[in-house]
C-alpha atoms as a PDB file:
ATOM      1  CA  MET A   1     100.201  14.338  27.583  1.00  0.00           C
ATOM      2  CA  LEU A   2      97.457  12.322  26.133  1.00  0.00           C
ATOM      3  CA  ASP A   3      98.281   9.231  24.286  1.00  0.00           C
ATOM      4  CA  ILE A   4      96.189   9.220  21.112  1.00  0.00           C
ATOM      5  CA  LYS A   5      97.066   5.660  20.376  1.00  0.00           C
ATOM      6  CA  GLU A   6      95.438   4.496  23.583  1.00  0.00           C
ATOM      7  CA  LEU A   7      92.401   6.592  22.916  1.00  0.00           C
ATOM      8  CA  LEU A   8      91.980   5.401  19.344  1.00  0.00           C
ATOM      9  CA  PHE A   9      92.611   1.740  19.980  1.00  0.00           C
ATOM     10  CA  PRO A  10      90.940   0.101  22.963  1.00  0.00           C
ATOM     11  CA  ASN A  11      92.887  -1.801  25.521  1.00  0.00           C
ATOM     12  CA  LEU A  12      93.043  -5.491  24.695  1.00  0.00           C
ATOM     13  CA  ILE A  13      92.440  -6.561  28.289  1.00  0.00           C
ATOM     14  CA  THR A  14      89.344  -4.339  28.532  1.00  0.00           C
ATOM     15  CA  VAL A  15      87.973  -5.817  25.333  1.00  0.00           C
ATOM     16  CA  LEU A  16      88.624  -9.351  26.582  1.00  0.00           C
ATOM     17  CA  VAL A  17      87.020  -8.599  29.966  1.00  0.00           C
ATOM     18  CA  GLN A  18      83.982  -7.119  28.271  1.00  0.00           C
ATOM     19  CA  LEU A  19      83.734 -10.107  25.933  1.00  0.00           C
ATOM     20  CA  CYS A  20      84.002 -12.503  28.880  1.00  0.00           C
ATOM     21  CA  ALA A  21      81.336 -10.580  30.801  1.00  0.00           C
ATOM     22  CA  THR A  22      79.086 -10.672  27.771  1.00  0.00           C
ATOM     23  CA  GLY A  23      79.748 -14.424  27.397  1.00  0.00           C
ATOM     24  CA  VAL A  24      78.865 -14.998  31.088  1.00  0.00           C
ATOM     25  CA  ILE A  25      75.654 -12.961  30.672  1.00  0.00           C
ATOM     26  CA  PHE A  26      74.878 -14.901  27.503  1.00  0.00           C
ATOM     27  CA  ALA A  27      75.562 -18.268  29.204  1.00  0.00           C
ATOM     28  CA  LEU A  28      73.346 -17.318  32.178  1.00  0.00           C
ATOM     29  CA  TYR A  29      70.678 -16.095  29.825  1.00  0.00           C
ATOM     30  CA  MET A  30      70.807 -19.335  27.809  1.00  0.00           C
ATOM     31  CA  LYS A  31      70.782 -21.489  30.906  1.00  0.00           C
ATOM     32  CA  TYR A  32      68.089 -19.762  32.972  1.00  0.00           C
ATOM     33  CA  LEU A  33      66.110 -17.311  30.831  1.00  0.00           C
ATOM     34  CA  HIS A  34      66.142 -18.413  27.200  1.00  0.00           C
ATOM     35  CA  THR A  35      63.519 -21.175  27.538  1.00  0.00           C
ATOM     36  CA  PRO A  36      61.040 -19.116  29.608  1.00  0.00           C
ATOM     37  CA  VAL A  37      61.459 -16.118  27.296  1.00  0.00           C
ATOM     38  CA  LEU A  38      60.834 -18.335  24.261  1.00  0.00           C
ATOM     39  CA  GLN A  39      57.801 -19.813  25.983  1.00  0.00           C
ATOM     40  CA  ILE A  40      56.441 -16.356  26.772  1.00  0.00           C
ATOM     41  CA  LEU A  41      57.107 -15.241  23.183  1.00  0.00           C
ATOM     42  CA  ASP A  42      55.469 -18.418  21.859  1.00  0.00           C
ATOM     43  CA  LYS A  43      52.456 -17.831  24.107  1.00  0.00           C
ATOM     44  CA  LYS A  44      52.199 -14.251  22.902  1.00  0.00           C
ATOM     45  CA  ALA A  45      52.608 -15.378  19.284  1.00  0.00           C
ATOM     46  CA  ASP A  46      49.949 -18.054  19.836  1.00  0.00           C
ATOM     47  CA  ALA A  47      47.675 -15.471  21.478  1.00  0.00           C
ATOM     48  CA  TYR A  48      48.225 -13.053  18.584  1.00  0.00           C
ATOM     49  CA  GLN A  49      47.650 -15.866  16.082  1.00  0.00           C
ATOM     50  CA  ALA A  50      44.479 -16.947  17.929  1.00  0.00           C
ATOM     51  CA  ALA A  51      43.263 -13.361  18.031  1.00  0.00           C
ATOM     52  CA  TYR A  52      44.040 -12.942  14.327  1.00  0.00           C
ATOM     53  CA  THR A  53      42.282 -16.220  13.529  1.00  0.00           C
ATOM     54  CA  GLU A  54      39.307 -15.176  15.632  1.00  0.00           C
ATOM     55  CA  ILE A  55      39.191 -11.803  13.894  1.00  0.00           C
ATOM     56  CA  GLU A  56      39.335 -13.506  10.507  1.00  0.00           C
ATOM     57  CA  THR A  57      36.575 -15.928  11.587  1.00  0.00           C
ATOM     58  CA  LEU A  58      34.475 -13.038  12.868  1.00  0.00           C
ATOM     59  CA  ASN A  59      35.037 -11.130   9.625  1.00  0.00           C
ATOM     60  CA  GLN A  60      33.991 -14.162   7.601  1.00  0.00           C
ATOM     61  CA  GLN A  61      31.001 -14.708   9.872  1.00  0.00           C
ATOM     62  CA  GLN A  62      30.108 -11.037   9.553  1.00  0.00           C
ATOM     63  CA  GLU A  63      30.330 -11.245   5.766  1.00  0.00           C
ATOM     64  CA  LEU A  64      28.177 -14.385   5.798  1.00  0.00           C
ATOM     65  CA  GLU A  65      25.609 -12.749   8.088  1.00  0.00           C
ATOM     66  CA  LYS A  66      25.661  -9.650   5.898  1.00  0.00           C
ATOM     67  CA  LYS A  67      24.940 -11.795   2.833  1.00  0.00           C
ATOM     68  CA  GLN A  68      22.192 -13.633   4.707  1.00  0.00           C
ATOM     69  CA  PHE A  69      20.764 -10.308   5.861  1.00  0.00           C
ATOM     70  CA  GLU A  70      20.800  -8.964   2.307  1.00  0.00           C
ATOM     71  CA  ALA A  71      19.156 -12.166   1.026  1.00  0.00           C
ATOM     72  CA  GLU A  72      16.514 -12.017   3.749  1.00  0.00           C
ATOM     73  CA  LYS A  73      16.025  -8.311   3.108  1.00  0.00           C
ATOM     74  CA  SER A  74      15.494  -8.896  -0.611  1.00  0.00           C
ATOM     75  CA  SER A  75      13.136 -11.837   0.037  1.00  0.00           C
ATOM     76  CA  GLN A  76      11.141  -9.741   2.505  1.00  0.00           C
ATOM     77  CA  LYS A  77      11.060  -6.894  -0.012  1.00  0.00           C
ATOM     78  CA  GLU A  78       9.774  -9.301  -2.660  1.00  0.00           C
ATOM     79  CA  ALA A  79       7.158 -10.630  -0.229  1.00  0.00           C
ATOM     80  CA  LEU A  80       6.200  -7.065   0.641  1.00  0.00           C
ATOM     81  CA  ASP A  81       5.951  -6.149  -3.043  1.00  0.00           C
ATOM     82  CA  LYS A  82       3.781  -9.227  -3.689  1.00  0.00           C
ATOM     83  CA  SER A  83       1.612  -8.355  -0.701  1.00  0.00           C
ATOM     84  CA  LYS A  84       1.355  -4.776  -1.901  1.00  0.00           C
ATOM     85  CA  ALA A  85       0.396  -5.895  -5.412  1.00  0.00           C
ATOM     86  CA  MET A  86      -2.190  -8.302  -3.995  1.00  0.00           C
ATOM     87  CA  MET A  87      -3.637  -5.564  -1.773  1.00  0.00           C
ATOM     88  CA  LEU A  88      -3.790  -3.166  -4.711  1.00  0.00           C
ATOM     89  CA  SER A  89      -5.578  -5.755  -6.847  1.00  0.00           C
ATOM     90  CA  GLU A  90      -8.013  -6.465  -3.994  1.00  0.00           C
ATOM     91  CA  ILE A  91      -8.621  -2.736  -3.567  1.00  0.00           C
ATOM     92  CA  GLU A  92      -9.183  -2.366  -7.314  1.00  0.00           C
ATOM     93  CA  ALA A  93     -11.596  -5.319  -7.307  1.00  0.00           C
ATOM     94  CA  MET A  94     -13.406  -3.838  -4.313  1.00  0.00           C
ATOM     95  CA  ARG A  95     -13.555  -0.452  -6.040  1.00  0.00           C
ATOM     96  CA  LEU A  96     -14.984  -2.011  -9.199  1.00  0.00           C
ATOM     97  CA  LYS A  97     -17.524  -3.931  -7.106  1.00  0.00           C
ATOM     98  CA  LEU A  98     -18.551  -0.738  -5.299  1.00  0.00           C
ATOM     99  CA  VAL A  99     -18.819   1.145  -8.603  1.00  0.00           C
ATOM    100  CA  LYS A 100     -20.988  -1.645 -10.036  1.00  0.00           C
ATOM    101  CA  GLU A 101     -23.171  -1.729  -6.917  1.00  0.00           C
ATOM    102  CA  THR A 102     -23.485   2.052  -7.004  1.00  0.00           C
ATOM    103  CA  ASN A 103     -24.423   1.996 -10.690  1.00  0.00           C
ATOM    104  CA  ASP A 104     -26.980  -0.751 -10.027  1.00  0.00           C
ATOM    105  CA  GLU A 105     -28.414   1.274  -7.139  1.00  0.00           C
ATOM    106  CA  VAL A 106     -28.589   4.373  -9.350  1.00  0.00           C
ATOM    107  CA  LYS A 107     -30.389   2.387 -12.062  1.00  0.00           C
ATOM    108  CA  ARG A 108     -32.775   0.933  -9.491  1.00  0.00           C
ATOM    109  CA  LEU A 109     -33.481   4.392  -8.037  1.00  0.00           C
ATOM    110  CA  LYS A 110     -34.012   5.826 -11.535  1.00  0.00           C
ATOM    111  CA  GLN A 111     -36.388   2.983 -12.381  1.00  0.00           C
ATOM    112  CA  ASN A 112     -38.279   3.477  -9.099  1.00  0.00           C
ATOM    113  CA  ALA A 113     -38.464   7.226  -9.745  1.00  0.00           C
ATOM    114  CA  THR A 114     -39.679   6.644 -13.315  1.00  0.00           C
ATOM    115  CA  ASP A 115     -42.301   4.143 -12.121  1.00  0.00           C
ATOM    116  CA  SER A 116     -43.392   6.538  -9.388  1.00  0.00           C
ATOM    117  CA  ILE A 117     -43.631   9.432 -11.876  1.00  0.00           C
ATOM    118  CA  VAL A 118     -45.657   7.291 -14.313  1.00  0.00           C
ATOM    119  CA  LYS A 119     -48.030   6.201 -11.524  1.00  0.00           C
ATOM    120  CA  GLU A 120     -48.412   9.775 -10.274  1.00  0.00           C
ATOM    121  CA  LYS A 121     -48.994  10.980 -13.853  1.00  0.00           C
ATOM    122  CA  GLU A 122     -51.680   8.330 -14.396  1.00  0.00           C
ATOM    123  CA  ALA A 123     -53.286   9.223 -11.066  1.00  0.00           C
ATOM    124  CA  MET A 124     -53.174  12.922 -11.937  1.00  0.00           C
ATOM    125  CA  LEU A 125     -54.680  12.262 -15.375  1.00  0.00           C
ATOM    126  CA  LYS A 126     -57.474  10.240 -13.751  1.00  0.00           C
ATOM    127  CA  ASP A 127     -58.026  13.033 -11.224  1.00  0.00           C
ATOM    128  CA  VAL A 128     -58.029  15.683 -13.982  1.00  0.00           C
ATOM    129  CA  GLU A 129     -60.375  13.555 -16.089  1.00  0.00           C
ATOM    130  CA  LYS A 130     -62.707  13.073 -13.119  1.00  0.00           C
ATOM    131  CA  GLU A 131     -62.600  16.820 -12.372  1.00  0.00           C
ATOM    132  CA  ILE A 132     -63.340  17.619 -16.017  1.00  0.00           C
ATOM    133  CA  ILE A 133     -66.269  15.195 -16.011  1.00  0.00           C
ATOM    134  CA  ASP A 134     -67.511  16.640 -12.711  1.00  0.00           C
ATOM    135  CA  VAL A 135     -67.185  20.200 -14.025  1.00  0.00           C
ATOM    136  CA  ALA A 136     -68.885  19.223 -17.304  1.00  0.00           C
ATOM    137  CA  TYR A 137     -71.687  17.523 -15.353  1.00  0.00           C
ATOM    138  CA  VAL A 138     -72.125  20.569 -13.111  1.00  0.00           C
ATOM    139  CA  MET A 139     -72.089  22.892 -16.148  1.00  0.00           C
ATOM    140  CA  THR A 140     -74.577  20.708 -17.979  1.00  0.00           C
ATOM    141  CA  GLU A 141     -76.857  20.681 -14.955  1.00  0.00           C
ATOM    142  CA  LYS A 142     -76.647  24.459 -14.707  1.00  0.00           C
ATOM    143  CA  VAL A 143     -77.283  24.902 -18.431  1.00  0.00           C
ATOM    144  CA  LEU A 144     -80.154  22.475 -18.475  1.00  0.00           C
ATOM    145  CA  GLU A 145     -81.654  23.639 -15.250  1.00  0.00           C
ATOM    146  CA  GLY A 146     -84.106  26.064 -16.852  1.00  0.00           C
ATOM    147  CA  TYR A 147     -85.112  23.840 -19.758  1.00  0.00           C
ATOM    148  CA  ARG A 148     -87.802  21.207 -19.856  1.00  0.00           C
ATOM    149  CA  PHE A 149     -87.713  18.683 -22.596  1.00  0.00           C
ATOM    150  CA  ASP A 150     -90.084  15.922 -23.217  1.00  0.00           C
ATOM    151  CA  GLU A 151     -89.415  13.048 -25.560  1.00  0.00           C
ATOM    152  CA  GLN A 152     -91.323  14.437 -28.488  1.00  0.00           C
ATOM    153  CA  GLU A 153     -89.480  17.760 -28.409  1.00  0.00           C
ATOM    154  CA  MET A 154     -86.171  15.983 -28.216  1.00  0.00           C
ATOM    155  CA  LEU A 155     -87.003  13.840 -31.242  1.00  0.00           C
ATOM    156  CA  ASN A 156     -88.057  16.889 -33.227  1.00  0.00           C
ATOM    157  CA  ALA A 157     -84.880  18.767 -32.340  1.00  0.00           C
ATOM    158  CA  LEU A 158     -82.798  15.726 -33.305  1.00  0.00           C
ATOM    159  CA  ALA A 159     -84.576  15.443 -36.638  1.00  0.00           C
ATOM    160  CA  LYS A 160     -83.947  19.153 -37.359  1.00  0.00           C
ATOM    161  CA  GLU A 161     -80.272  18.789 -36.609  1.00  0.00           C
ATOM    162  CA  MET A 162     -80.055  15.754 -38.841  1.00  0.00           C
ATOM    163  CA  ASP A 163     -81.732  17.585 -41.691  1.00  0.00           C
ATOM    164  CA  LYS A 164     -79.279  20.454 -41.319  1.00  0.00           C
ATOM    165  CA  SER A 165     -76.276  18.183 -41.361  1.00  0.00           C
ATOM    166  CA  HIS A 166     -77.635  16.278 -44.462  1.00  0.00           C
ATOM    167  CA  ALA A 167     -78.223  19.537 -46.219  1.00  0.00           C
ATOM    168  CA  ARG A 168     -74.637  20.603 -45.674  1.00  0.00           C
ATOM    169  CA  SER A 169     -73.187  17.422 -46.957  1.00  0.00           C
END
């Protein structure tokens, strides 16, 4: 039959053999492997620390570059706004200048048109006056064509007309 005592409690010799084997493995490990393993672990820790430090440095550098970018962006925006304002003021000044020049040109054209109209009116009045005088001359010639007056008859007719006008007054 099975001995429960042996199954529940390990054999003392087996335990001692296992402890001795573990001690030998530990002694070999300490003598031959412990230093290289620690060196490898230190190298890995140093590599991880260097990588972490580099990441932190890159993060800080990125933050600094981001701040510089934002500062440059805002300064360029300000410069652009100033340039825009200056261009708008120049455009407004140019517009006002063009409006003034256009108004001056309109005034000049109006004055030229008025002067031209006055000159044409004066010329037309002279032409009309000349035509009226020519027509009156032609009519007088036609009316007087059949009459003959000598000086004595003209003086008599003038005297009669004067008497009539004195009589009326």
